Amino acid sequence: MLPTPSVESKTSWTVTCVALGIMTLSFGSPWILIIALKPVAAELGGTRSIPALASALAWFGQGLGGIIMGRAADAIGVRWTVIFGAVMICIGLVLSSGGATWQLLLGHGLFIGVLGNGGINAPFYVYVSRWFDRRRGSALALISSGGYIAGAVWPNVFEPAIASIGWRETMLWYGLMELIVIVPLALTYLKPPPEHPMVTLPGASETHARVFGLTPNAVYVPLVAASLLCCVTMSMPQGHLVALCSDIGIKPSHGAAMLSLLLGAGIISRQVWGVISDRIGGLRTLLVSSAAQAAGMTGFLLTQDEVGLFAVSAAFGLGFAGLVPAYVLTIRELFPANEASWRVPTLLLFSGIGMGTGGWLAGSLYDYFGFYAPAFAAGVASNLLNFALIAALVFRQKFVAVHA
């Protein structure tokens, strides 16, 4: 029997790198509010829950918009949803720069979230996965690094920019840059993906009546729930590390550097997780990465000094980075390719809800208790529930394999 020809080519990696660059820019937009959390809160009466809620709505909106835009990308092409998304992010930043509560919530939730990153994030995961059939895990890990490259690079740009020209002007200039860079890239490089030969993916049956001996949704629903739970934990240090450092006497610039270290470690380790997932599969990668994230999150409860927080930040970044692309890879391994346009965005919606919930919950618990330890403890508990769900699926996978 002749080997199945691969759809992968140099163009596959060119498209992937362009997607990575666009996501690095698009995911920079919510970080302005995160870095400016304290000055924005000061203008709103001192409460941090409002800017935290705006950031949460950006995550939630991105996931919700991904379902709508995923279908649109199938119909009109990802090029046009990406261009539309860039325009909407620009509008969202302009609106948010007004500074009123309703402007922050609407600008981040609807324009940056639903219409902006919603048109870029989920459509890109499905789009790039269709350019690959052998190194799909590595490609997905690469584009999913866009959010963490954004977090590693932009805080160090935004912190001095906000100090120099203010957070409002920073939003306006960044919104303009989104348009200048993303629109030409999308028009030039985002071509239709190649047609895949008809093959059965590992872990999936041809008829797809059962997955691990269960109905497809009996496996899919725990995956979705697990993605929500892990992202509650994942978002807490990312959204509140700079504020935490300021609270305990660490310079804001050092807090921004700490956040960059966390996300920089995630960028590097995510590529390693991608190679691992190509070898052991998405589901087992999820299990190992979940355990690593739980250990890192526990570290934030055990240290409050600057050196210790730098070390814990690096460890957390190394641990959590394998999770999101492994969820997408797991879906592509276990379910038919023609279901990707709704299964992937739906899962990313719930992971976005988790990111938003974690950021908002940490801000609300801080407002209530006056310190971050209760929030981080809640993050550890959420991660342990995530681990239990993934472990149950891995056990079921092994059970079916043994009794097949």
Protein backbone atom coordinates (compact mmCIF):
# COMPACT_ATOMS: atom_id res chain seq x y z
CA MET A 1 0.00 0.00 0.00
CA LEU A 2 1.43 3.40 -1.03
CA PRO A 3 2.01 5.91 1.78
CA THR A 4 -0.51 8.75 2.02
CA PRO A 5 0.99 11.92 0.48
CA SER A 6 1.52 14.76 2.94
CA VAL A 7 -0.08 18.17 2.50
CA GLU A 8 2.77 19.84 4.38
CA SER A 9 5.12 22.17 2.49
CA LYS A 10 7.24 25.30 2.92
CA THR A 11 4.06 27.29 2.37
CA SER A 12 2.53 25.55 5.41
CA TRP A 13 5.25 26.96 7.63
CA THR A 14 5.16 30.39 5.96
CA VAL A 15 1.42 30.63 6.65
CA THR A 16 2.01 29.44 10.22
CA CYS A 17 4.66 32.09 10.85
CA VAL A 18 2.40 34.83 9.46
CA ALA A 19 -0.43 33.60 11.69
CA LEU A 20 1.96 33.70 14.64
CA GLY A 21 2.91 37.31 13.87
CA ILE A 22 -0.71 38.41 13.51
CA MET A 23 -1.72 36.71 16.76
CA THR A 24 1.22 38.33 18.54
CA LEU A 25 -0.16 41.72 17.53
CA SER A 26 -3.84 40.99 18.10
CA PHE A 27 -3.23 39.54 21.55
CA GLY A 28 -1.24 42.58 22.56
CA SER A 29 -4.38 44.71 22.72
CA PRO A 30 -5.80 43.38 26.05
CA TRP A 31 -2.42 43.69 27.78
CA ILE A 32 -2.57 47.48 27.84
CA LEU A 33 -5.41 47.36 30.35
CA ILE A 34 -3.67 44.65 32.39
CA ILE A 35 -0.46 46.69 32.71
CA ALA A 36 -2.50 49.83 33.45
CA LEU A 37 -4.79 48.06 35.94
CA LYS A 38 -3.87 50.21 38.95
CA PRO A 39 -4.04 53.66 37.28
CA VAL A 40 -7.29 52.75 35.52
CA ALA A 41 -8.75 51.47 38.80
CA ALA A 42 -7.66 54.70 40.53
CA GLU A 43 -9.67 56.72 38.02
CA LEU A 44 -12.70 54.52 38.68
CA GLY A 45 -12.74 54.97 42.45
CA GLY A 46 -10.05 52.47 43.42
CA THR A 47 -11.80 49.19 42.62
CA ARG A 48 -9.85 46.71 40.52
CA SER A 49 -12.85 44.58 39.66
CA ILE A 50 -13.99 46.88 36.81
CA PRO A 51 -10.79 46.76 34.70
CA ALA A 52 -10.45 43.08 35.65
CA LEU A 53 -14.01 42.53 34.38
CA ALA A 54 -13.20 44.35 31.13
CA SER A 55 -10.21 42.04 30.62
CA ALA A 56 -12.43 39.07 31.46
CA LEU A 57 -14.99 40.16 28.87
CA ALA A 58 -12.23 40.37 26.24
CA TRP A 59 -11.40 36.70 26.90
CA PHE A 60 -15.03 35.65 27.01
CA GLY A 61 -15.89 37.65 23.92
CA GLN A 62 -12.98 36.16 22.00
CA GLY A 63 -14.31 32.67 22.67
CA LEU A 64 -17.91 33.56 21.82
CA GLY A 65 -16.86 35.36 18.66
CA GLY A 66 -14.75 32.37 17.62
CA ILE A 67 -17.86 30.22 17.14
CA ILE A 68 -19.46 32.81 14.86
CA MET A 69 -16.25 33.69 13.04
CA GLY A 70 -15.21 30.06 12.68
CA ARG A 71 -18.30 29.46 10.55
CA ALA A 72 -17.69 32.72 8.68
CA ALA A 73 -14.08 31.75 7.94
CA ASP A 74 -15.31 28.49 6.41
CA ALA A 75 -17.72 30.44 4.22
CA ILE A 76 -15.66 33.47 3.11
CA GLY A 77 -12.09 32.60 4.05
CA VAL A 78 -9.93 33.33 7.08
CA ARG A 79 -8.29 36.30 5.29
CA TRP A 80 -11.46 38.37 5.63
CA THR A 81 -12.28 37.44 9.23
CA VAL A 82 -8.72 38.40 10.21
CA ILE A 83 -8.95 41.81 8.47
CA PHE A 84 -12.35 42.42 10.05
CA GLY A 85 -10.94 41.42 13.44
CA ALA A 86 -8.05 43.88 13.15
CA VAL A 87 -10.42 46.75 12.34
CA MET A 88 -12.65 45.86 15.30
CA ILE A 89 -9.69 45.70 17.72
CA CYS A 90 -8.70 49.20 16.62
CA ILE A 91 -12.24 50.47 17.23
CA GLY A 92 -12.30 48.73 20.63
CA LEU A 93 -9.08 50.41 21.75
CA VAL A 94 -10.30 53.82 20.59
CA LEU A 95 -13.55 53.34 22.51
CA SER A 96 -11.83 52.02 25.64
CA SER A 97 -9.48 55.00 25.71
CA GLY A 98 -12.48 57.10 26.76
CA GLY A 99 -12.03 55.62 30.23
CA ALA A 100 -15.66 55.36 31.34
CA THR A 101 -16.80 52.03 32.76
CA TRP A 102 -19.19 51.34 29.88
CA GLN A 103 -16.49 52.21 27.33
CA LEU A 104 -14.00 49.79 28.88
CA LEU A 105 -16.54 46.98 29.09
CA LEU A 106 -17.98 47.47 25.59
CA GLY A 107 -14.65 48.20 23.95
CA HIS A 108 -12.98 45.10 25.39
CA GLY A 109 -15.93 42.71 25.49
CA LEU A 110 -17.55 43.36 22.10
CA PHE A 111 -14.96 44.99 19.86
CA ILE A 112 -11.65 43.54 21.08
CA GLY A 113 -13.22 40.23 22.15
CA VAL A 114 -16.23 39.09 20.11
CA LEU A 115 -15.54 40.93 16.86
CA GLY A 116 -11.76 41.36 17.11
CA ASN A 117 -9.81 38.42 18.47
CA GLY A 118 -12.88 36.27 17.84
CA GLY A 119 -12.23 36.71 14.12
CA ILE A 120 -8.55 35.83 14.48
CA ASN A 121 -7.90 33.26 17.22
CA ALA A 122 -10.25 30.30 16.66
CA PRO A 123 -10.30 30.64 12.85
CA PHE A 124 -6.49 30.50 12.84
CA TYR A 125 -6.38 27.26 14.86
CA VAL A 126 -8.65 25.50 12.37
CA TYR A 127 -6.99 27.16 9.37
CA VAL A 128 -3.41 26.27 10.31
CA SER A 129 -4.37 22.71 11.32
CA ARG A 130 -5.55 22.15 7.74
CA TRP A 131 -2.08 22.92 6.39
CA PHE A 132 -0.60 19.97 8.35
CA ASP A 133 -1.09 16.25 8.78
CA ARG A 134 2.18 15.05 10.35
CA ARG A 135 3.52 17.89 12.48
CA ARG A 136 0.19 19.39 13.39
CA GLY A 137 0.98 19.48 17.11
CA SER A 138 4.16 21.46 16.50
CA ALA A 139 2.36 23.93 14.20
CA LEU A 140 -0.49 24.47 16.65
CA ALA A 141 2.01 24.96 19.47
CA LEU A 142 3.79 27.59 17.40
CA ILE A 143 0.75 29.73 16.55
CA SER A 144 -0.64 29.40 20.06
CA SER A 145 2.59 31.02 21.27
CA GLY A 146 1.35 34.30 19.78
CA GLY A 147 -0.52 35.20 22.94
CA TYR A 148 2.54 34.52 25.08
CA ILE A 149 4.95 36.32 22.79
CA ALA A 150 2.53 39.24 23.11
CA GLY A 151 2.65 38.92 26.88
CA ALA A 152 6.43 38.61 26.91
CA VAL A 153 7.09 41.55 24.57
CA TRP A 154 4.32 44.09 25.00
CA PRO A 155 4.32 44.60 28.80
CA ASN A 156 7.89 45.89 28.52
CA VAL A 157 6.72 48.30 25.81
CA PHE A 158 3.45 49.30 27.44
CA GLU A 159 4.80 49.94 30.95
CA PRO A 160 7.15 52.79 29.93
CA ALA A 161 4.69 54.01 27.28
CA ILE A 162 1.91 54.30 29.86
CA ALA A 163 4.29 56.07 32.24
CA SER A 164 5.34 58.48 29.49
CA ILE A 165 2.22 59.27 27.43
CA GLY A 166 -0.59 57.64 29.44
CA TRP A 167 -2.67 54.52 28.96
CA ARG A 168 -5.23 56.25 26.73
CA GLU A 169 -2.66 57.39 24.17
CA THR A 170 -1.00 53.96 24.30
CA MET A 171 -4.30 52.36 23.31
CA LEU A 172 -4.78 54.78 20.40
CA TRP A 173 -1.32 54.27 18.92
CA TYR A 174 -1.47 50.50 19.31
CA GLY A 175 -4.85 50.35 17.59
CA LEU A 176 -3.45 52.23 14.61
CA MET A 177 -0.49 49.85 14.40
CA GLU A 178 -2.87 46.86 14.31
CA LEU A 179 -4.38 48.15 11.07
CA ILE A 180 -1.10 49.13 9.43
CA VAL A 181 0.51 45.72 9.98
CA ILE A 182 -2.23 43.08 10.01
CA VAL A 183 -4.27 44.09 6.96
CA PRO A 184 -1.39 43.86 4.43
CA LEU A 185 -0.17 40.56 5.92
CA ALA A 186 -3.62 39.01 5.64
CA LEU A 187 -4.11 40.17 2.07
CA THR A 188 -0.72 38.84 0.98
CA TYR A 189 -0.28 35.51 2.75
CA LEU A 190 -3.57 33.99 3.91
CA LYS A 191 -4.38 31.64 1.03
CA PRO A 192 -6.96 28.81 1.04
CA PRO A 193 -5.52 25.66 2.73
CA PRO A 194 -4.81 22.49 0.70
CA GLU A 195 -7.32 19.66 0.45
CA HIS A 196 -6.57 16.78 2.82
CA PRO A 197 -6.59 13.19 1.58
CA MET A 198 -9.25 11.07 3.24
CA VAL A 199 -7.49 9.43 6.19
CA THR A 200 -8.56 8.27 9.62
CA LEU A 201 -6.92 10.21 12.39
CA PRO A 202 -5.31 8.33 15.31
CA GLY A 203 -7.81 7.57 18.05
CA ALA A 204 -10.88 8.04 15.84
CA SER A 205 -13.06 5.45 14.19
CA GLU A 206 -14.13 5.76 10.56
CA THR A 207 -17.81 6.04 11.39
CA HIS A 208 -17.11 8.02 14.53
CA ALA A 209 -20.05 6.42 16.31
CA ARG A 210 -17.90 5.93 19.43
CA VAL A 211 -14.81 7.51 20.98
CA PHE A 212 -13.08 5.35 23.59
CA GLY A 213 -16.23 3.23 23.49
CA LEU A 214 -18.36 6.25 24.42
CA THR A 215 -20.54 8.64 22.43
CA PRO A 216 -18.46 11.48 20.96
CA ASN A 217 -19.95 14.13 23.23
CA ALA A 218 -19.33 12.00 26.31
CA VAL A 219 -15.64 12.60 25.60
CA TYR A 220 -15.99 16.12 24.19
CA VAL A 221 -17.93 17.61 27.13
CA PRO A 222 -15.28 16.64 29.76
CA LEU A 223 -12.61 18.08 27.45
CA VAL A 224 -14.51 21.37 27.25
CA ALA A 225 -15.03 21.46 31.03
CA ALA A 226 -11.34 20.70 31.58
CA SER A 227 -10.34 23.56 29.26
CA LEU A 228 -12.46 26.00 31.28
CA LEU A 229 -11.00 24.85 34.60
CA CYS A 230 -7.36 24.94 33.54
CA CYS A 231 -7.74 28.42 32.08
CA VAL A 232 -9.20 29.78 35.33
CA THR A 233 -5.87 28.87 36.89
CA MET A 234 -3.80 29.95 33.89
CA SER A 235 -5.16 33.51 33.80
CA MET A 236 -4.65 34.48 37.43
CA PRO A 237 -0.88 35.06 37.46
CA GLN A 238 -0.99 36.54 33.96
CA GLY A 239 -3.64 39.11 34.87
CA HIS A 240 -2.50 40.04 38.37
CA LEU A 241 1.23 39.40 38.71
CA VAL A 242 2.21 43.04 38.06
CA ALA A 243 -0.35 44.28 40.60
CA LEU A 244 0.74 41.62 43.13
CA CYS A 245 4.36 42.77 42.85
CA SER A 246 3.35 46.39 43.38
CA ASP A 247 1.32 45.41 46.46
CA ILE A 248 4.30 43.74 48.15
CA GLY A 249 6.80 46.49 47.34
CA ILE A 250 8.33 45.20 44.12
CA LYS A 251 8.80 47.83 41.40
CA PRO A 252 6.19 47.76 38.58
CA SER A 253 9.00 47.47 36.03
CA HIS A 254 10.24 44.35 37.83
CA GLY A 255 6.70 42.99 37.88
CA ALA A 256 6.44 43.53 34.13
CA ALA A 257 9.79 41.76 33.68
CA MET A 258 8.50 38.90 35.82
CA LEU A 259 5.41 38.61 33.65
CA SER A 260 7.60 38.62 30.55
CA LEU A 261 9.72 35.83 32.05
CA LEU A 262 6.59 33.78 32.76
CA LEU A 263 5.31 34.14 29.23
CA GLY A 264 8.78 33.87 27.67
CA ALA A 265 9.28 30.54 29.41
CA GLY A 266 5.88 29.54 28.05
CA ILE A 267 6.93 30.43 24.50
CA ILE A 268 10.03 28.24 24.64
CA SER A 269 8.40 25.30 26.42
CA ARG A 270 5.34 25.43 24.16
CA GLN A 271 7.49 24.37 21.22
CA VAL A 272 8.81 21.47 23.30
CA TRP A 273 5.25 20.53 24.27
CA GLY A 274 4.34 20.60 20.57
CA VAL A 275 7.03 18.05 19.72
CA ILE A 276 5.97 15.93 22.71
CA SER A 277 2.33 16.00 21.61
CA ASP A 278 3.31 14.83 18.11
CA ARG A 279 4.88 11.79 19.81
CA ILE A 280 2.50 10.90 22.65
CA GLY A 281 -0.75 12.52 21.45
CA GLY A 282 -2.78 15.46 22.65
CA LEU A 283 -4.58 13.81 25.56
CA ARG A 284 -1.48 12.57 27.39
CA THR A 285 0.21 15.91 26.81
CA LEU A 286 -2.75 17.55 28.55
CA LEU A 287 -2.32 15.32 31.60
CA VAL A 288 1.39 16.05 32.04
CA SER A 289 1.02 19.79 31.42
CA SER A 290 -1.91 20.03 33.84
CA ALA A 291 0.19 18.51 36.61
CA ALA A 292 3.02 20.94 35.86
CA GLN A 293 0.68 23.95 35.95
CA ALA A 294 -0.76 22.86 39.31
CA ALA A 295 2.74 22.65 40.77
CA GLY A 296 3.62 26.10 39.44
CA MET A 297 0.42 27.68 40.77
CA THR A 298 1.09 26.21 44.21
CA GLY A 299 4.43 27.99 44.14
CA PHE A 300 2.72 31.39 44.10
CA LEU A 301 1.21 30.51 47.48
CA LEU A 302 4.56 29.59 48.97
CA THR A 303 6.71 32.63 48.18
CA GLN A 304 6.33 36.41 48.29
CA ASP A 305 9.94 37.58 47.84
CA GLU A 306 11.19 38.89 44.50
CA VAL A 307 13.73 36.14 43.74
CA GLY A 308 11.23 33.44 44.66
CA LEU A 309 8.52 34.98 42.48
CA PHE A 310 10.87 35.17 39.51
CA ALA A 311 11.63 31.45 39.95
CA VAL A 312 7.98 30.49 40.35
CA SER A 313 7.00 32.61 37.35
CA ALA A 314 9.49 30.74 35.17
CA ALA A 315 8.28 27.38 36.48
CA PHE A 316 4.64 28.29 35.88
CA GLY A 317 5.46 29.35 32.33
CA LEU A 318 7.23 26.08 31.61
CA GLY A 319 4.27 24.10 32.93
CA PHE A 320 1.11 25.67 31.56
CA ALA A 321 2.29 26.17 27.97
CA GLY A 322 1.33 22.74 26.68
CA LEU A 323 -2.37 22.95 27.46
CA VAL A 324 -4.26 25.00 24.84
CA PRO A 325 -2.66 23.57 21.66
CA ALA A 326 -2.97 20.06 23.10
CA TYR A 327 -6.75 20.54 23.44
CA VAL A 328 -7.00 21.51 19.76
CA LEU A 329 -4.76 18.60 18.74
CA THR A 330 -6.87 16.19 20.80
CA ILE A 331 -10.03 17.34 19.01
CA ARG A 332 -8.38 16.92 15.61
CA GLU A 333 -7.19 13.42 16.62
CA LEU A 334 -10.48 12.17 18.02
CA PHE A 335 -13.17 13.83 15.90
CA PRO A 336 -13.80 14.19 12.14
CA ALA A 337 -12.07 17.07 10.35
CA ASN A 338 -15.42 18.45 9.14
CA GLU A 339 -16.45 19.04 12.77
CA ALA A 340 -13.37 21.14 13.57
CA SER A 341 -15.04 24.44 12.57
CA TRP A 342 -17.45 24.15 15.51
CA ARG A 343 -15.74 21.82 17.99
CA VAL A 344 -12.50 23.84 18.16
CA PRO A 345 -14.15 27.28 18.54
CA THR A 346 -16.61 25.93 21.11
CA LEU A 347 -13.78 24.54 23.22
CA LEU A 348 -11.87 27.82 22.84
CA LEU A 349 -15.01 29.67 23.93
CA PHE A 350 -14.98 27.79 27.21
CA SER A 351 -11.25 28.23 27.62
CA GLY A 352 -11.87 31.97 27.05
CA ILE A 353 -14.60 31.87 29.69
CA GLY A 354 -12.06 30.25 31.99
CA MET A 355 -9.47 32.94 31.25
CA GLY A 356 -12.02 35.67 31.85
CA THR A 357 -13.41 34.04 34.98
CA GLY A 358 -9.96 33.56 36.47
CA GLY A 359 -8.95 37.19 35.90
CA TRP A 360 -12.24 38.55 37.21
CA LEU A 361 -12.34 36.13 40.17
CA ALA A 362 -8.83 37.06 41.26
CA GLY A 363 -9.74 40.76 41.15
CA SER A 364 -12.97 40.23 43.07
CA LEU A 365 -11.33 38.06 45.74
CA TYR A 366 -8.61 40.67 46.11
CA ASP A 367 -11.22 43.40 46.59
CA TYR A 368 -12.89 41.27 49.29
CA PHE A 369 -9.81 39.97 51.19
CA GLY A 370 -7.25 42.67 50.39
CA PHE A 371 -4.57 40.19 49.23
CA TYR A 372 -4.14 37.56 46.51
CA ALA A 373 -3.59 34.30 48.43
CA PRO A 374 -7.30 33.25 48.44
CA ALA A 375 -7.48 33.80 44.69
CA PHE A 376 -4.39 31.71 44.02
CA ALA A 377 -5.71 28.95 46.31
CA ALA A 378 -8.91 28.91 44.23
CA GLY A 379 -6.69 28.59 41.15
CA VAL A 380 -4.97 25.51 42.56
CA ALA A 381 -8.35 23.91 43.34
CA SER A 382 -9.60 24.57 39.79
CA ASN A 383 -6.44 23.01 38.36
CA LEU A 384 -6.87 19.86 40.44
CA LEU A 385 -10.40 19.41 39.05
CA ASN A 386 -8.98 19.84 35.55
CA PHE A 387 -6.37 17.15 36.22
CA ALA A 388 -9.04 14.75 37.47
CA LEU A 389 -11.12 15.13 34.29
CA ILE A 390 -8.14 14.59 31.97
CA ALA A 391 -6.91 11.65 34.04
CA ALA A 392 -10.34 10.01 33.73
CA LEU A 393 -10.19 10.32 29.91
CA VAL A 394 -6.64 8.97 29.77
CA PHE A 395 -7.70 6.03 31.96
CA ARG A 396 -10.64 5.37 29.67
CA GLN A 397 -8.37 5.51 26.62
CA LYS A 398 -6.01 2.95 28.15
CA PHE A 399 -8.90 0.74 29.26
CA VAL A 400 -10.35 0.60 25.75
CA ALA A 401 -6.91 -0.05 24.24
CA VAL A 402 -6.27 -2.97 26.60
CA HIS A 403 -9.67 -4.55 25.96
CA ALA A 404 -9.78 -3.91 22.21
